[in-house]
Amino acid sequence: MRTTLNLDEDLVGELMKATKAKTKTEAIHLAISEFVRHRKLEGLKALSGKIHFDLDWRELEEQELKAQAERERRWRDRR
């Protein structure tokens, strides 16, 4: 998407140095994607301690193996 923006040249120059981007567009894309990633991580951190998973990986694996065996049995019975 093409957009016209008025940006502080010094700030963009500093951004290009920090990101080692070759173009202004690349530097701005990197900055935006990093900003979005950072905000998503903040949202995940805010959930810390609010969600409790009581999962036992051994039990889950056993259930998955049983389900897989059942699917295979049904597949063989159809043949």
C-alpha atoms as a PDB file:
ATOM      1  CA  MET A   1       0.000   0.000   0.000  1.00  0.00           C
ATOM      2  CA  ARG A   2       1.329   3.382  -0.926  1.00  0.00           C
ATOM      3  CA  THR A   3       1.076   6.055   1.759  1.00  0.00           C
ATOM      4  CA  THR A   4       2.478   9.554   2.054  1.00  0.00           C
ATOM      5  CA  LEU A   5       3.811  10.401   5.508  1.00  0.00           C
ATOM      6  CA  ASN A   6       5.649  13.324   7.034  1.00  0.00           C
ATOM      7  CA  LEU A   7       8.390  11.742   9.140  1.00  0.00           C
ATOM      8  CA  ASP A   8      11.262  13.253  11.070  1.00  0.00           C
ATOM      9  CA  GLU A   9      14.344  12.618   8.911  1.00  0.00           C
ATOM     10  CA  ASP A  10      16.638  12.303  11.935  1.00  0.00           C
ATOM     11  CA  LEU A  11      14.340   9.722  13.477  1.00  0.00           C
ATOM     12  CA  VAL A  12      14.111   7.737  10.241  1.00  0.00           C
ATOM     13  CA  GLY A  13      17.898   7.907   9.894  1.00  0.00           C
ATOM     14  CA  GLU A  14      18.309   6.629  13.434  1.00  0.00           C
ATOM     15  CA  LEU A  15      15.802   3.870  12.684  1.00  0.00           C
ATOM     16  CA  MET A  16      17.725   2.848   9.582  1.00  0.00           C
ATOM     17  CA  LYS A  17      20.962   2.648  11.588  1.00  0.00           C
ATOM     18  CA  ALA A  18      19.307   0.650  14.365  1.00  0.00           C
ATOM     19  CA  THR A  19      17.668  -1.821  11.980  1.00  0.00           C
ATOM     20  CA  LYS A  20      20.546  -1.839   9.463  1.00  0.00           C
ATOM     21  CA  ALA A  21      17.880  -1.490   6.779  1.00  0.00           C
ATOM     22  CA  LYS A  22      18.956  -0.417   3.315  1.00  0.00           C
ATOM     23  CA  THR A  23      15.788   1.537   2.553  1.00  0.00           C
ATOM     24  CA  LYS A  24      13.378   3.706   4.501  1.00  0.00           C
ATOM     25  CA  THR A  25      10.539   1.374   3.547  1.00  0.00           C
ATOM     26  CA  GLU A  26      12.383  -1.652   4.896  1.00  0.00           C
ATOM     27  CA  ALA A  27      13.227   0.180   8.124  1.00  0.00           C
ATOM     28  CA  ILE A  28       9.627   1.251   8.661  1.00  0.00           C
ATOM     29  CA  HIS A  29       8.298  -2.243   7.919  1.00  0.00           C
ATOM     30  CA  LEU A  30      10.728  -3.698  10.445  1.00  0.00           C
ATOM     31  CA  ALA A  31       9.763  -1.107  13.048  1.00  0.00           C
ATOM     32  CA  ILE A  32       6.042  -1.667  12.574  1.00  0.00           C
ATOM     33  CA  SER A  33       6.324  -5.452  12.696  1.00  0.00           C
ATOM     34  CA  GLU A  34       8.505  -5.258  15.815  1.00  0.00           C
ATOM     35  CA  PHE A  35       6.020  -2.878  17.457  1.00  0.00           C
ATOM     36  CA  VAL A  36       3.103  -5.218  16.729  1.00  0.00           C
ATOM     37  CA  ARG A  37       5.083  -8.241  17.985  1.00  0.00           C
ATOM     38  CA  HIS A  38       5.973  -6.357  21.169  1.00  0.00           C
ATOM     39  CA  ARG A  39       2.334  -5.443  21.828  1.00  0.00           C
ATOM     40  CA  LYS A  40       1.243  -9.056  21.312  1.00  0.00           C
ATOM     41  CA  LEU A  41       3.876 -10.212  23.798  1.00  0.00           C
ATOM     42  CA  GLU A  42       2.669  -7.627  26.306  1.00  0.00           C
ATOM     43  CA  GLY A  43      -0.845  -9.034  25.908  1.00  0.00           C
ATOM     44  CA  LEU A  44       0.426 -12.541  26.567  1.00  0.00           C
ATOM     45  CA  LYS A  45       2.389 -11.370  29.596  1.00  0.00           C
ATOM     46  CA  ALA A  46      -0.772  -9.763  30.956  1.00  0.00           C
ATOM     47  CA  LEU A  47      -2.376 -13.221  30.960  1.00  0.00           C
ATOM     48  CA  SER A  48       0.385 -14.602  33.166  1.00  0.00           C
ATOM     49  CA  GLY A  49      -1.148 -16.305  36.182  1.00  0.00           C
ATOM     50  CA  LYS A  50      -4.697 -15.852  34.898  1.00  0.00           C
ATOM     51  CA  ILE A  51      -4.894 -19.058  32.876  1.00  0.00           C
ATOM     52  CA  HIS A  52      -4.175 -22.427  34.425  1.00  0.00           C
ATOM     53  CA  PHE A  53      -3.481 -25.502  32.353  1.00  0.00           C
ATOM     54  CA  ASP A  54      -3.600 -28.765  34.217  1.00  0.00           C
ATOM     55  CA  LEU A  55      -2.197 -30.909  31.453  1.00  0.00           C
ATOM     56  CA  ASP A  56      -0.272 -34.129  31.765  1.00  0.00           C
ATOM     57  CA  TRP A  57       1.568 -34.715  28.507  1.00  0.00           C
ATOM     58  CA  ARG A  58       1.772 -38.460  29.144  1.00  0.00           C
ATOM     59  CA  GLU A  59      -1.987 -38.701  29.534  1.00  0.00           C
ATOM     60  CA  LEU A  60      -2.551 -36.581  26.419  1.00  0.00           C
ATOM     61  CA  GLU A  61      -0.139 -38.742  24.426  1.00  0.00           C
ATOM     62  CA  GLU A  62      -1.898 -41.912  25.594  1.00  0.00           C
ATOM     63  CA  GLN A  63      -5.266 -40.492  24.545  1.00  0.00           C
ATOM     64  CA  GLU A  64      -3.891 -39.501  21.137  1.00  0.00           C
ATOM     65  CA  LEU A  65      -2.388 -42.951  20.573  1.00  0.00           C
ATOM     66  CA  LYS A  66      -5.696 -44.596  21.466  1.00  0.00           C
ATOM     67  CA  ALA A  67      -7.580 -42.281  19.100  1.00  0.00           C
ATOM     68  CA  GLN A  68      -5.071 -42.965  16.325  1.00  0.00           C
ATOM     69  CA  ALA A  69      -5.375 -46.731  16.845  1.00  0.00           C
ATOM     70  CA  GLU A  70      -9.175 -46.420  16.700  1.00  0.00           C
ATOM     71  CA  ARG A  71      -9.011 -44.438  13.450  1.00  0.00           C
ATOM     72  CA  GLU A  72      -6.687 -47.026  11.932  1.00  0.00           C
ATOM     73  CA  ARG A  73      -8.996 -49.862  13.049  1.00  0.00           C
ATOM     74  CA  ARG A  74     -12.003 -48.156  11.468  1.00  0.00           C
ATOM     75  CA  TRP A  75     -10.036 -47.538   8.255  1.00  0.00           C
ATOM     76  CA  ARG A  76      -9.040 -51.239   8.045  1.00  0.00           C
ATOM     77  CA  ASP A  77     -12.639 -52.356   8.690  1.00  0.00           C
ATOM     78  CA  ARG A  78     -13.880 -50.256   5.746  1.00  0.00           C
ATOM     79  CA  ARG A  79     -11.541 -51.963   3.292  1.00  0.00           C
END
